[in-house]
């Protein structure tokens, strides 16, 4: 019985460790009829992820590494350029002491707007 309990505690501890991975997955969906360029999600000047371009009706996911983020509270910023050259910026969400509060950011970019959701609110 004690061995089973020790094994349970060990597995619980092991599953709670993230092994130094500090960050958040970012999923960007382009629902426009044109390719979007220069898409970035920024947590701090040191922590950002860039998607060079995303084709129409394409979804791409990357990991936003936040190891270099200062231990401060802050928000995320989404930047992108529409096909006509118009640049868009949207500030959203929150990170606490340089750590994200969620596991996934979902960005859905439409013709005129960008919708952002976290974790269970995606799709």
PDB file of N, CA and C in Angstrom:
ATOM      1  N   UNK A   1       0.814  -1.185   0.000  1.00  0.00           N
ATOM      2  CA  UNK A   1       0.000   0.000   0.000  1.00  0.00           C
ATOM      3  C   UNK A   1       0.863   1.256   0.000  1.00  0.00           C
ATOM      4  N   UNK A   2       1.927   1.261   0.842  1.00  0.00           N
ATOM      5  CA  UNK A   2       2.802   2.419   0.902  1.00  0.00           C
ATOM      6  C   UNK A   2       3.523   2.627  -0.427  1.00  0.00           C
ATOM      7  N   UNK A   3       3.905   1.542  -1.075  1.00  0.00           N
ATOM      8  CA  UNK A   3       4.599   1.648  -2.363  1.00  0.00           C
ATOM      9  C   UNK A   3       3.674   2.270  -3.408  1.00  0.00           C
ATOM     10  N   UNK A   4       2.417   1.876  -3.411  1.00  0.00           N
ATOM     11  CA  UNK A   4       1.439   2.430  -4.359  1.00  0.00           C
ATOM     12  C   UNK A   4       1.243   3.916  -4.112  1.00  0.00           C
ATOM     13  N   UNK A   5       1.168   4.303  -2.850  1.00  0.00           N
ATOM     14  CA  UNK A   5       0.992   5.706  -2.508  1.00  0.00           C
ATOM     15  C   UNK A   5       2.209   6.522  -2.930  1.00  0.00           C
ATOM     16  N   UNK A   6       3.412   5.990  -2.677  1.00  0.00           N
ATOM     17  CA  UNK A   6       4.642   6.677  -3.084  1.00  0.00           C
ATOM     18  C   UNK A   6       4.716   6.813  -4.598  1.00  0.00           C
ATOM     19  N   UNK A   7       4.326   5.777  -5.305  1.00  0.00           N
ATOM     20  CA  UNK A   7       4.307   5.829  -6.763  1.00  0.00           C
ATOM     21  C   UNK A   7       3.312   6.867  -7.252  1.00  0.00           C
ATOM     22  N   UNK A   8       2.147   6.912  -6.633  1.00  0.00           N
ATOM     23  CA  UNK A   8       1.132   7.908  -6.976  1.00  0.00           C
ATOM     24  C   UNK A   8       1.667   9.324  -6.772  1.00  0.00           C
ATOM     25  N   UNK A   9       2.292   9.575  -5.621  1.00  0.00           N
ATOM     26  CA  UNK A   9       2.856  10.904  -5.339  1.00  0.00           C
ATOM     27  C   UNK A   9       3.949  11.262  -6.338  1.00  0.00           C
ATOM     28  N   UNK A  10       4.798  10.295  -6.664  1.00  0.00           N
ATOM     29  CA  UNK A  10       5.865  10.548  -7.629  1.00  0.00           C
ATOM     30  C   UNK A  10       5.289  10.914  -9.000  1.00  0.00           C
ATOM     31  N   UNK A  11       4.293  10.154  -9.453  1.00  0.00           N
ATOM     32  CA  UNK A  11       3.675  10.440 -10.747  1.00  0.00           C
ATOM     33  C   UNK A  11       2.941  11.778 -10.741  1.00  0.00           C
ATOM     34  N   UNK A  12       2.315  12.119  -9.639  1.00  0.00           N
ATOM     35  CA  UNK A  12       1.648  13.412  -9.510  1.00  0.00           C
ATOM     36  C   UNK A  12       2.660  14.542  -9.590  1.00  0.00           C
ATOM     37  N   UNK A  13       3.759  14.401  -8.889  1.00  0.00           N
ATOM     38  CA  UNK A  13       4.822  15.411  -8.922  1.00  0.00           C
ATOM     39  C   UNK A  13       5.413  15.525 -10.316  1.00  0.00           C
ATOM     40  N   UNK A  14       5.662  14.400 -10.946  1.00  0.00           N
ATOM     41  CA  UNK A  14       6.229  14.390 -12.291  1.00  0.00           C
ATOM     42  C   UNK A  14       5.301  15.058 -13.301  1.00  0.00           C
ATOM     43  N   UNK A  15       4.007  14.800 -13.192  1.00  0.00           N
ATOM     44  CA  UNK A  15       3.065  15.383 -14.149  1.00  0.00           C
ATOM     45  C   UNK A  15       2.872  16.872 -13.920  1.00  0.00           C
ATOM     46  N   UNK A  16       3.138  17.368 -12.718  1.00  0.00           N
ATOM     47  CA  UNK A  16       2.962  18.795 -12.450  1.00  0.00           C
ATOM     48  C   UNK A  16       4.167  19.613 -12.893  1.00  0.00           C
ATOM     49  N   UNK A  17       5.274  18.969 -13.167  1.00  0.00           N
ATOM     50  CA  UNK A  17       6.468  19.674 -13.616  1.00  0.00           C
ATOM     51  C   UNK A  17       6.368  19.976 -15.104  1.00  0.00           C
ATOM     52  N   UNK A  18       6.846  21.146 -15.472  1.00  0.00           N
ATOM     53  CA  UNK A  18       6.824  21.522 -16.877  1.00  0.00           C
ATOM     54  C   UNK A  18       8.236  21.511 -17.454  1.00  0.00           C
ATOM     55  N   UNK A  19       9.210  21.086 -16.674  1.00  0.00           N
ATOM     56  CA  UNK A  19      10.596  20.936 -17.086  1.00  0.00           C
ATOM     57  C   UNK A  19      11.150  22.192 -17.761  1.00  0.00           C
ATOM     58  N   UNK A  20      10.888  23.349 -17.158  1.00  0.00           N
ATOM     59  CA  UNK A  20      11.467  24.587 -17.638  1.00  0.00           C
ATOM     60  C   UNK A  20      10.777  25.207 -18.827  1.00  0.00           C
ATOM     61  N   UNK A  21       9.725  24.623 -19.312  1.00  0.00           N
ATOM     62  CA  UNK A  21       9.015  25.189 -20.458  1.00  0.00           C
ATOM     63  C   UNK A  21       8.040  26.236 -19.944  1.00  0.00           C
ATOM     64  N   UNK A  22       8.324  27.479 -20.249  1.00  0.00           N
ATOM     65  CA  UNK A  22       7.508  28.593 -19.790  1.00  0.00           C
ATOM     66  C   UNK A  22       6.993  29.319 -21.021  1.00  0.00           C
ATOM     67  N   UNK A  23       5.712  29.228 -21.264  1.00  0.00           N
ATOM     68  CA  UNK A  23       5.157  29.890 -22.428  1.00  0.00           C
ATOM     69  C   UNK A  23       3.747  29.422 -22.705  1.00  0.00           C
ATOM     70  N   UNK A  24       3.281  29.689 -23.922  1.00  0.00           N
ATOM     71  CA  UNK A  24       1.901  29.408 -24.288  1.00  0.00           C
ATOM     72  C   UNK A  24       1.819  29.110 -25.785  1.00  0.00           C
ATOM     73  N   UNK A  25       0.966  28.160 -26.154  1.00  0.00           N
ATOM     74  CA  UNK A  25       0.717  27.859 -27.562  1.00  0.00           C
ATOM     75  C   UNK A  25      -0.126  28.977 -28.163  1.00  0.00           C
ATOM     76  N   UNK A  26       0.183  29.355 -29.389  1.00  0.00           N
ATOM     77  CA  UNK A  26      -0.568  30.389 -30.097  1.00  0.00           C
ATOM     78  C   UNK A  26      -1.061  29.799 -31.412  1.00  0.00           C
ATOM     79  N   UNK A  27      -2.382  29.806 -31.583  1.00  0.00           N
ATOM     80  CA  UNK A  27      -2.998  29.295 -32.812  1.00  0.00           C
ATOM     81  C   UNK A  27      -3.630  30.475 -33.532  1.00  0.00           C
ATOM     82  N   UNK A  28      -3.237  30.675 -34.799  1.00  0.00           N
ATOM     83  CA  UNK A  28      -3.779  31.778 -35.596  1.00  0.00           C
ATOM     84  C   UNK A  28      -4.500  31.199 -36.798  1.00  0.00           C
ATOM     85  N   UNK A  29      -5.748  31.627 -36.964  1.00  0.00           N
ATOM     86  CA  UNK A  29      -6.577  31.167 -38.083  1.00  0.00           C
ATOM     87  C   UNK A  29      -6.898  32.365 -38.978  1.00  0.00           C
ATOM     88  N   UNK A  30      -6.617  32.230 -40.265  1.00  0.00           N
ATOM     89  CA  UNK A  30      -6.917  33.268 -41.247  1.00  0.00           C
ATOM     90  C   UNK A  30      -8.218  32.899 -41.950  1.00  0.00           C
ATOM     91  N   UNK A  31      -9.296  33.620 -41.657  1.00  0.00           N
ATOM     92  CA  UNK A  31     -10.581  33.343 -42.299  1.00  0.00           C
ATOM     93  C   UNK A  31     -10.881  34.328 -43.424  1.00  0.00           C
ATOM     94  N   UNK A  32      -9.885  35.129 -43.802  1.00  0.00           N
ATOM     95  CA  UNK A  32     -10.078  36.057 -44.919  1.00  0.00           C
ATOM     96  C   UNK A  32      -9.840  35.322 -46.237  1.00  0.00           C
ATOM     97  N   UNK A  33     -10.041  36.031 -47.340  1.00  0.00           N
ATOM     98  CA  UNK A  33      -9.828  35.441 -48.660  1.00  0.00           C
ATOM     99  C   UNK A  33      -8.448  35.766 -49.216  1.00  0.00           C
ATOM    100  N   UNK A  34      -7.587  36.379 -48.386  1.00  0.00           N
ATOM    101  CA  UNK A  34      -6.247  36.766 -48.818  1.00  0.00           C
ATOM    102  C   UNK A  34      -5.209  36.330 -47.788  1.00  0.00           C
ATOM    103  N   UNK A  35      -3.978  36.275 -48.217  1.00  0.00           N
ATOM    104  CA  UNK A  35      -2.876  35.919 -47.322  1.00  0.00           C
ATOM    105  C   UNK A  35      -2.578  37.081 -46.383  1.00  0.00           C
ATOM    106  N   UNK A  36      -2.426  36.772 -45.105  1.00  0.00           N
ATOM    107  CA  UNK A  36      -2.042  37.771 -44.105  1.00  0.00           C
ATOM    108  C   UNK A  36      -0.534  37.690 -43.887  1.00  0.00           C
ATOM    109  N   UNK A  37       0.080  38.844 -43.624  1.00  0.00           N
ATOM    110  CA  UNK A  37       1.528  38.902 -43.453  1.00  0.00           C
ATOM    111  C   UNK A  37       1.895  39.527 -42.112  1.00  0.00           C
ATOM    112  N   UNK A  38       3.114  39.241 -41.698  1.00  0.00           N
ATOM    113  CA  UNK A  38       3.708  39.852 -40.505  1.00  0.00           C
ATOM    114  C   UNK A  38       2.814  39.736 -39.274  1.00  0.00           C
ATOM    115  N   UNK A  39       2.380  38.532 -38.968  1.00  0.00           N
ATOM    116  CA  UNK A  39       1.547  38.301 -37.793  1.00  0.00           C
ATOM    117  C   UNK A  39       2.475  38.026 -36.618  1.00  0.00           C
ATOM    118  N   UNK A  40       2.256  38.728 -35.518  1.00  0.00           N
ATOM    119  CA  UNK A  40       3.074  38.483 -34.332  1.00  0.00           C
ATOM    120  C   UNK A  40       2.201  38.563 -33.088  1.00  0.00           C
ATOM    121  N   UNK A  41       2.572  37.758 -32.103  1.00  0.00           N
ATOM    122  CA  UNK A  41       1.962  37.827 -30.779  1.00  0.00           C
ATOM    123  C   UNK A  41       3.108  38.091 -29.817  1.00  0.00           C
ATOM    124  N   UNK A  42       2.974  39.155 -29.042  1.00  0.00           N
ATOM    125  CA  UNK A  42       4.054  39.640 -28.190  1.00  0.00           C
ATOM    126  C   UNK A  42       3.613  39.619 -26.734  1.00  0.00           C
ATOM    127  N   UNK A  43       4.456  39.066 -25.871  1.00  0.00           N
ATOM    128  CA  UNK A  43       4.215  39.101 -24.428  1.00  0.00           C
ATOM    129  C   UNK A  43       5.072  40.183 -23.778  1.00  0.00           C
ATOM    130  N   UNK A  44       6.250  40.404 -24.337  1.00  0.00           N
ATOM    131  CA  UNK A  44       7.175  41.434 -23.862  1.00  0.00           C
ATOM    132  C   UNK A  44       8.167  41.676 -25.003  1.00  0.00           C
ATOM    133  N   UNK A  45       8.982  42.712 -24.900  1.00  0.00           N
ATOM    134  CA  UNK A  45       9.958  42.923 -25.980  1.00  0.00           C
ATOM    135  C   UNK A  45      10.886  41.725 -26.202  1.00  0.00           C
ATOM    136  N   UNK A  46      11.082  40.893 -25.171  1.00  0.00           N
ATOM    137  CA  UNK A  46      11.961  39.740 -25.291  1.00  0.00           C
ATOM    138  C   UNK A  46      11.229  38.458 -25.687  1.00  0.00           C
ATOM    139  N   UNK A  47       9.910  38.442 -25.565  1.00  0.00           N
ATOM    140  CA  UNK A  47       9.135  37.213 -25.793  1.00  0.00           C
ATOM    141  C   UNK A  47       8.045  37.462 -26.829  1.00  0.00           C
ATOM    142  N   UNK A  48       8.232  36.867 -27.997  1.00  0.00           N
ATOM    143  CA  UNK A  48       7.263  37.037 -29.071  1.00  0.00           C
ATOM    144  C   UNK A  48       7.365  35.856 -30.029  1.00  0.00           C
ATOM    145  N   UNK A  49       6.327  35.686 -30.827  1.00  0.00           N
ATOM    146  CA  UNK A  49       6.321  34.664 -31.862  1.00  0.00           C
ATOM    147  C   UNK A  49       5.843  35.343 -33.141  1.00  0.00           C
ATOM    148  N   UNK A  50       6.488  34.993 -34.267  1.00  0.00           N
ATOM    149  CA  UNK A  50       6.178  35.617 -35.553  1.00  0.00           C
ATOM    150  C   UNK A  50       5.724  34.556 -36.546  1.00  0.00           C
ATOM    151  N   UNK A  51       4.626  34.843 -37.225  1.00  0.00           N
ATOM    152  CA  UNK A  51       4.141  34.040 -38.343  1.00  0.00           C
ATOM    153  C   UNK A  51       4.367  34.910 -39.582  1.00  0.00           C
ATOM    154  N   UNK A  52       5.271  34.522 -40.470  1.00  0.00           N
ATOM    155  CA  UNK A  52       5.585  35.351 -41.642  1.00  0.00           C
ATOM    156  C   UNK A  52       4.358  35.606 -42.497  1.00  0.00           C
ATOM    157  N   UNK A  53       3.622  34.552 -42.811  1.00  0.00           N
ATOM    158  CA  UNK A  53       2.385  34.699 -43.574  1.00  0.00           C
ATOM    159  C   UNK A  53       1.496  33.490 -43.315  1.00  0.00           C
ATOM    160  N   UNK A  54       0.199  33.723 -43.444  1.00  0.00           N
ATOM    161  CA  UNK A  54      -0.779  32.645 -43.301  1.00  0.00           C
ATOM    162  C   UNK A  54      -1.755  32.768 -44.458  1.00  0.00           C
ATOM    163  N   UNK A  55      -1.865  31.709 -45.230  1.00  0.00           N
ATOM    164  CA  UNK A  55      -2.723  31.688 -46.413  1.00  0.00           C
ATOM    165  C   UNK A  55      -4.203  31.708 -46.007  1.00  0.00           C
ATOM    166  N   UNK A  56      -5.086  32.025 -46.950  1.00  0.00           N
ATOM    167  CA  UNK A  56      -6.520  32.028 -46.657  1.00  0.00           C
ATOM    168  C   UNK A  56      -6.995  30.663 -46.143  1.00  0.00           C
ATOM    169  N   UNK A  57      -7.872  30.703 -45.162  1.00  0.00           N
ATOM    170  CA  UNK A  57      -8.466  29.500 -44.562  1.00  0.00           C
ATOM    171  C   UNK A  57      -7.427  28.521 -44.012  1.00  0.00           C
ATOM    172  N   UNK A  58      -6.291  29.033 -43.602  1.00  0.00           N
ATOM    173  CA  UNK A  58      -5.236  28.214 -43.013  1.00  0.00           C
ATOM    174  C   UNK A  58      -5.119  28.540 -41.533  1.00  0.00           C
ATOM    175  N   UNK A  59      -4.765  27.527 -40.741  1.00  0.00           N
ATOM    176  CA  UNK A  59      -4.529  27.704 -39.313  1.00  0.00           C
ATOM    177  C   UNK A  59      -3.120  27.218 -39.005  1.00  0.00           C
ATOM    178  N   UNK A  60      -2.376  28.012 -38.258  1.00  0.00           N
ATOM    179  CA  UNK A  60      -1.002  27.672 -37.893  1.00  0.00           C
ATOM    180  C   UNK A  60      -0.827  27.841 -36.389  1.00  0.00           C
ATOM    181  N   UNK A  61      -0.048  26.949 -35.786  1.00  0.00           N
ATOM    182  CA  UNK A  61       0.198  27.004 -34.347  1.00  0.00           C
ATOM    183  C   UNK A  61       1.699  27.046 -34.091  1.00  0.00           C
ATOM    184  N   UNK A  62       2.096  27.916 -33.163  1.00  0.00           N
ATOM    185  CA  UNK A  62       3.486  28.008 -32.717  1.00  0.00           C
ATOM    186  C   UNK A  62       3.503  28.199 -31.206  1.00  0.00           C
ATOM    187  N   UNK A  63       4.665  27.931 -30.610  1.00  0.00           N
ATOM    188  CA  UNK A  63       4.831  28.099 -29.167  1.00  0.00           C
ATOM    189  C   UNK A  63       5.484  29.448 -28.886  1.00  0.00           C
ATOM    190  N   UNK A  64       4.853  30.237 -28.025  1.00  0.00           N
ATOM    191  CA  UNK A  64       5.406  31.519 -27.588  1.00  0.00           C
ATOM    192  C   UNK A  64       6.226  31.256 -26.332  1.00  0.00           C
ATOM    193  N   UNK A  65       7.534  31.233 -26.483  1.00  0.00           N
ATOM    194  CA  UNK A  65       8.459  30.983 -25.378  1.00  0.00           C
ATOM    195  C   UNK A  65       8.569  32.243 -24.531  1.00  0.00           C
ATOM    196  N   UNK A  66       8.254  32.124 -23.247  1.00  0.00           N
ATOM    197  CA  UNK A  66       8.270  33.280 -22.357  1.00  0.00           C
ATOM    198  C   UNK A  66       9.379  33.202 -21.315  1.00  0.00           C
ATOM    199  N   UNK A  67      10.426  32.401 -21.590  1.00  0.00           N
ATOM    200  CA  UNK A  67      11.536  32.285 -20.637  1.00  0.00           C
ATOM    201  C   UNK A  67      12.232  33.619 -20.399  1.00  0.00           C
ATOM    202  N   UNK A  68      12.261  34.461 -21.405  1.00  0.00           N
ATOM    203  CA  UNK A  68      12.962  35.739 -21.298  1.00  0.00           C
ATOM    204  C   UNK A  68      12.070  36.882 -20.815  1.00  0.00           C
ATOM    205  N   UNK A  69      10.797  36.590 -20.562  1.00  0.00           N
ATOM    206  CA  UNK A  69       9.874  37.627 -20.099  1.00  0.00           C
ATOM    207  C   UNK A  69      10.237  38.037 -18.677  1.00  0.00           C
ATOM    208  N   UNK A  70      10.283  39.343 -18.440  1.00  0.00           N
ATOM    209  CA  UNK A  70      10.569  39.845 -17.104  1.00  0.00           C
ATOM    210  C   UNK A  70       9.467  39.410 -16.140  1.00  0.00           C
ATOM    211  N   UNK A  71       9.812  39.328 -14.883  1.00  0.00           N
ATOM    212  CA  UNK A  71       8.853  38.899 -13.869  1.00  0.00           C
ATOM    213  C   UNK A  71       7.986  40.103 -13.501  1.00  0.00           C
ATOM    214  N   UNK A  72       7.110  40.429 -14.434  1.00  0.00           N
ATOM    215  CA  UNK A  72       6.177  41.542 -14.278  1.00  0.00           C
ATOM    216  C   UNK A  72       4.816  41.110 -14.798  1.00  0.00           C
ATOM    217  N   UNK A  73       3.782  41.832 -14.402  1.00  0.00           N
ATOM    218  CA  UNK A  73       2.466  41.604 -14.966  1.00  0.00           C
ATOM    219  C   UNK A  73       2.373  42.331 -16.294  1.00  0.00           C
ATOM    220  N   UNK A  74       1.593  41.797 -17.206  1.00  0.00           N
ATOM    221  CA  UNK A  74       1.437  42.453 -18.491  1.00  0.00           C
ATOM    222  C   UNK A  74       0.355  41.809 -19.333  1.00  0.00           C
ATOM    223  N   UNK A  75       0.257  42.267 -20.559  1.00  0.00           N
ATOM    224  CA  UNK A  75      -0.748  41.753 -21.480  1.00  0.00           C
ATOM    225  C   UNK A  75      -0.062  41.277 -22.755  1.00  0.00           C
ATOM    226  N   UNK A  76      -0.836  40.658 -23.624  1.00  0.00           N
ATOM    227  CA  UNK A  76      -0.352  40.201 -24.917  1.00  0.00           C
ATOM    228  C   UNK A  76      -0.795  41.191 -25.990  1.00  0.00           C
ATOM    229  N   UNK A  77      -0.054  41.241 -27.100  1.00  0.00           N
ATOM    230  CA  UNK A  77      -0.416  42.095 -28.219  1.00  0.00           C
ATOM    231  C   UNK A  77      -0.356  41.284 -29.505  1.00  0.00           C
ATOM    232  N   UNK A  78      -1.402  41.391 -30.300  1.00  0.00           N
ATOM    233  CA  UNK A  78      -1.473  40.765 -31.625  1.00  0.00           C
ATOM    234  C   UNK A  78      -1.286  41.857 -32.659  1.00  0.00           C
ATOM    235  N   UNK A  79      -0.321  41.675 -33.555  1.00  0.00           N
ATOM    236  CA  UNK A  79      -0.079  42.599 -34.667  1.00  0.00           C
ATOM    237  C   UNK A  79      -0.152  41.824 -35.971  1.00  0.00           C
ATOM    238  N   UNK A  80      -0.744  42.410 -36.996  1.00  0.00           N
ATOM    239  CA  UNK A  80      -0.760  41.783 -38.312  1.00  0.00           C
ATOM    240  C   UNK A  80      -1.045  42.833 -39.375  1.00  0.00           C
ATOM    241  N   UNK A  81      -0.798  42.453 -40.626  1.00  0.00           N
ATOM    242  CA  UNK A  81      -1.010  43.354 -41.751  1.00  0.00           C
ATOM    243  C   UNK A  81      -2.014  42.726 -42.706  1.00  0.00           C
ATOM    244  N   UNK A  82      -3.070  43.482 -43.014  1.00  0.00           N
ATOM    245  CA  UNK A  82      -4.049  43.039 -44.006  1.00  0.00           C
ATOM    246  C   UNK A  82      -3.439  43.115 -45.402  1.00  0.00           C
ATOM    247  N   UNK A  83      -4.013  42.421 -46.379  1.00  0.00           N
ATOM    248  CA  UNK A  83      -3.467  42.426 -47.739  1.00  0.00           C
ATOM    249  C   UNK A  83      -3.369  43.821 -48.369  1.00  0.00           C
ATOM    250  N   UNK A  84      -4.247  44.750 -47.965  1.00  0.00           N
ATOM    251  CA  UNK A  84      -4.195  46.102 -48.530  1.00  0.00           C
ATOM    252  C   UNK A  84      -3.127  46.970 -47.870  1.00  0.00           C
ATOM    253  N   UNK A  85      -2.354  46.391 -46.935  1.00  0.00           N
ATOM    254  CA  UNK A  85      -1.275  47.112 -46.266  1.00  0.00           C
ATOM    255  C   UNK A  85      -1.672  47.724 -44.937  1.00  0.00           C
ATOM    256  N   UNK A  86      -2.948  47.685 -44.595  1.00  0.00           N
ATOM    257  CA  UNK A  86      -3.399  48.243 -43.328  1.00  0.00           C
ATOM    258  C   UNK A  86      -2.907  47.379 -42.178  1.00  0.00           C
ATOM    259  N   UNK A  87      -2.294  48.029 -41.191  1.00  0.00           N
ATOM    260  CA  UNK A  87      -1.771  47.318 -40.029  1.00  0.00           C
ATOM    261  C   UNK A  87      -2.797  47.344 -38.907  1.00  0.00           C
ATOM    262  N   UNK A  88      -2.896  46.243 -38.189  1.00  0.00           N
ATOM    263  CA  UNK A  88      -3.844  46.139 -37.082  1.00  0.00           C
ATOM    264  C   UNK A  88      -3.107  45.692 -35.827  1.00  0.00           C
ATOM    265  N   UNK A  89      -3.530  46.229 -34.691  1.00  0.00           N
ATOM    266  CA  UNK A  89      -2.961  45.877 -33.396  1.00  0.00           C
ATOM    267  C   UNK A  89      -4.100  45.667 -32.412  1.00  0.00           C
ATOM    268  N   UNK A  90      -3.996  44.603 -31.628  1.00  0.00           N
ATOM    269  CA  UNK A  90      -5.007  44.335 -30.613  1.00  0.00           C
ATOM    270  C   UNK A  90      -4.302  43.851 -29.357  1.00  0.00           C
ATOM    271  N   UNK A  91      -4.560  44.512 -28.246  1.00  0.00           N
ATOM    272  CA  UNK A  91      -4.008  44.105 -26.959  1.00  0.00           C
ATOM    273  C   UNK A  91      -5.072  43.272 -26.242  1.00  0.00           C
ATOM    274  N   UNK A  92      -4.642  42.185 -25.623  1.00  0.00           N
ATOM    275  CA  UNK A  92      -5.597  41.277 -25.001  1.00  0.00           C
ATOM    276  C   UNK A  92      -4.917  40.489 -23.892  1.00  0.00           C
ATOM    277  N   UNK A  93      -5.722  39.856 -23.070  1.00  0.00           N
ATOM    278  CA  UNK A  93      -5.240  38.899 -22.087  1.00  0.00           C
ATOM    279  C   UNK A  93      -4.328  39.474 -21.025  1.00  0.00           C
ATOM    280  N   UNK A  94      -3.701  38.556 -20.321  1.00  0.00           N
ATOM    281  CA  UNK A  94      -2.926  38.932 -19.158  1.00  0.00           C
ATOM    282  C   UNK A  94      -1.926  37.831 -18.822  1.00  0.00           C
ATOM    283  N   UNK A  95      -0.734  38.223 -18.448  1.00  0.00           N
ATOM    284  CA  UNK A  95       0.208  37.265 -17.857  1.00  0.00           C
ATOM    285  C   UNK A  95       0.652  37.827 -16.517  1.00  0.00           C
ATOM    286  N   UNK A  96       0.875  36.936 -15.581  1.00  0.00           N
ATOM    287  CA  UNK A  96       1.139  37.306 -14.200  1.00  0.00           C
ATOM    288  C   UNK A  96       2.569  36.920 -13.832  1.00  0.00           C
ATOM    289  N   UNK A  97       3.361  37.910 -13.435  1.00  0.00           N
ATOM    290  CA  UNK A  97       4.761  37.691 -13.062  1.00  0.00           C
ATOM    291  C   UNK A  97       5.540  36.989 -14.172  1.00  0.00           C
ATOM    292  N   UNK A  98       5.206  37.290 -15.414  1.00  0.00           N
ATOM    293  CA  UNK A  98       5.911  36.706 -16.553  1.00  0.00           C
ATOM    294  C   UNK A  98       5.455  35.319 -16.933  1.00  0.00           C
ATOM    295  N   UNK A  99       4.441  34.789 -16.263  1.00  0.00           N
ATOM    296  CA  UNK A  99       3.901  33.464 -16.569  1.00  0.00           C
ATOM    297  C   UNK A  99       2.515  33.612 -17.182  1.00  0.00           C
ATOM    298  N   UNK A 100       2.234  32.853 -18.239  1.00  0.00           N
ATOM    299  CA  UNK A 100       0.885  32.912 -18.815  1.00  0.00           C
ATOM    300  C   UNK A 100      -0.124  32.251 -17.872  1.00  0.00           C
ATOM    301  N   UNK A 101      -1.339  32.762 -17.881  1.00  0.00           N
ATOM    302  CA  UNK A 101      -2.393  32.199 -17.047  1.00  0.00           C
ATOM    303  C   UNK A 101      -3.134  31.074 -17.747  1.00  0.00           C
ATOM    304  N   UNK A 102      -2.829  30.843 -19.021  1.00  0.00           N
ATOM    305  CA  UNK A 102      -3.538  29.866 -19.825  1.00  0.00           C
ATOM    306  C   UNK A 102      -2.535  28.998 -20.574  1.00  0.00           C
ATOM    307  N   UNK A 103      -3.063  28.031 -21.352  1.00  0.00           N
ATOM    308  CA  UNK A 103      -2.225  27.123 -22.120  1.00  0.00           C
ATOM    309  C   UNK A 103      -2.273  27.395 -23.622  1.00  0.00           C
ATOM    310  N   UNK A 104      -3.319  28.088 -24.063  1.00  0.00           N
ATOM    311  CA  UNK A 104      -3.535  28.267 -25.493  1.00  0.00           C
ATOM    312  C   UNK A 104      -4.194  29.607 -25.775  1.00  0.00           C
ATOM    313  N   UNK A 105      -3.662  30.309 -26.774  1.00  0.00           N
ATOM    314  CA  UNK A 105      -4.280  31.521 -27.300  1.00  0.00           C
ATOM    315  C   UNK A 105      -4.779  31.181 -28.701  1.00  0.00           C
ATOM    316  N   UNK A 106      -6.043  31.469 -28.974  1.00  0.00           N
ATOM    317  CA  UNK A 106      -6.614  31.257 -30.308  1.00  0.00           C
ATOM    318  C   UNK A 106      -6.954  32.620 -30.906  1.00  0.00           C
ATOM    319  N   UNK A 107      -6.375  32.907 -32.057  1.00  0.00           N
ATOM    320  CA  UNK A 107      -6.650  34.154 -32.763  1.00  0.00           C
ATOM    321  C   UNK A 107      -7.328  33.818 -34.084  1.00  0.00           C
ATOM    322  N   UNK A 108      -8.497  34.361 -34.304  1.00  0.00           N
ATOM    323  CA  UNK A 108      -9.219  34.165 -35.560  1.00  0.00           C
ATOM    324  C   UNK A 108      -9.314  35.529 -36.230  1.00  0.00           C
ATOM    325  N   UNK A 109      -8.618  35.670 -37.362  1.00  0.00           N
ATOM    326  CA  UNK A 109      -8.579  36.956 -38.049  1.00  0.00           C
ATOM    327  C   UNK A 109      -9.575  36.936 -39.199  1.00  0.00           C
ATOM    328  N   UNK A 110     -10.530  37.864 -39.131  1.00  0.00           N
ATOM    329  CA  UNK A 110     -11.548  38.021 -40.160  1.00  0.00           C
ATOM    330  C   UNK A 110     -11.218  39.229 -41.026  1.00  0.00           C
ATOM    331  N   UNK A 111     -12.093  39.528 -41.957  1.00  0.00           N
ATOM    332  CA  UNK A 111     -11.874  40.633 -42.894  1.00  0.00           C
ATOM    333  C   UNK A 111     -11.690  41.975 -42.174  1.00  0.00           C
ATOM    334  N   UNK A 112     -12.458  42.214 -41.121  1.00  0.00           N
ATOM    335  CA  UNK A 112     -12.399  43.510 -40.449  1.00  0.00           C
ATOM    336  C   UNK A 112     -11.986  43.449 -38.977  1.00  0.00           C
ATOM    337  N   UNK A 113     -11.948  42.262 -38.393  1.00  0.00           N
ATOM    338  CA  UNK A 113     -11.664  42.163 -36.964  1.00  0.00           C
ATOM    339  C   UNK A 113     -10.812  40.939 -36.657  1.00  0.00           C
ATOM    340  N   UNK A 114     -10.337  40.902 -35.434  1.00  0.00           N
ATOM    341  CA  UNK A 114      -9.615  39.725 -34.932  1.00  0.00           C
ATOM    342  C   UNK A 114     -10.247  39.341 -33.606  1.00  0.00           C
ATOM    343  N   UNK A 115     -10.612  38.059 -33.472  1.00  0.00           N
ATOM    344  CA  UNK A 115     -11.171  37.539 -32.240  1.00  0.00           C
ATOM    345  C   UNK A 115     -10.093  36.737 -31.524  1.00  0.00           C
ATOM    346  N   UNK A 116      -9.986  36.944 -30.225  1.00  0.00           N
ATOM    347  CA  UNK A 116      -8.986  36.236 -29.437  1.00  0.00           C
ATOM    348  C   UNK A 116      -9.696  35.529 -28.287  1.00  0.00           C
ATOM    349  N   UNK A 117      -9.319  34.275 -28.056  1.00  0.00           N
ATOM    350  CA  UNK A 117      -9.881  33.496 -26.954  1.00  0.00           C
ATOM    351  C   UNK A 117      -8.762  32.677 -26.314  1.00  0.00           C
ATOM    352  N   UNK A 118      -9.025  32.187 -25.118  1.00  0.00           N
ATOM    353  CA  UNK A 118      -8.064  31.374 -24.395  1.00  0.00           C
ATOM    354  C   UNK A 118      -8.650  29.993 -24.112  1.00  0.00           C
ATOM    355  N   UNK A 119      -7.800  28.982 -24.131  1.00  0.00           N
ATOM    356  CA  UNK A 119      -8.081  27.614 -23.710  1.00  0.00           C
ATOM    357  C   UNK A 119      -9.462  27.113 -24.113  1.00  0.00           C
ATOM    358  N   UNK A 120     -10.290  26.877 -23.136  1.00  0.00           N
ATOM    359  CA  UNK A 120     -11.589  26.239 -23.374  1.00  0.00           C
ATOM    360  C   UNK A 120     -12.547  27.089 -24.191  1.00  0.00           C
ATOM    361  N   UNK A 121     -12.261  28.380 -24.361  1.00  0.00           N
ATOM    362  CA  UNK A 121     -13.137  29.242 -25.146  1.00  0.00           C
ATOM    363  C   UNK A 121     -12.782  29.222 -26.630  1.00  0.00           C
ATOM    364  N   UNK A 122     -11.740  28.513 -26.978  1.00  0.00           N
ATOM    365  CA  UNK A 122     -11.361  28.376 -28.383  1.00  0.00           C
ATOM    366  C   UNK A 122     -12.378  27.477 -29.065  1.00  0.00           C
ATOM    367  N   UNK A 123     -12.780  27.851 -30.254  1.00  0.00           N
ATOM    368  CA  UNK A 123     -13.752  27.118 -31.073  1.00  0.00           C
ATOM    369  C   UNK A 123     -14.961  26.874 -30.321  1.00  0.00           C
TER     370      UNK A 123
END
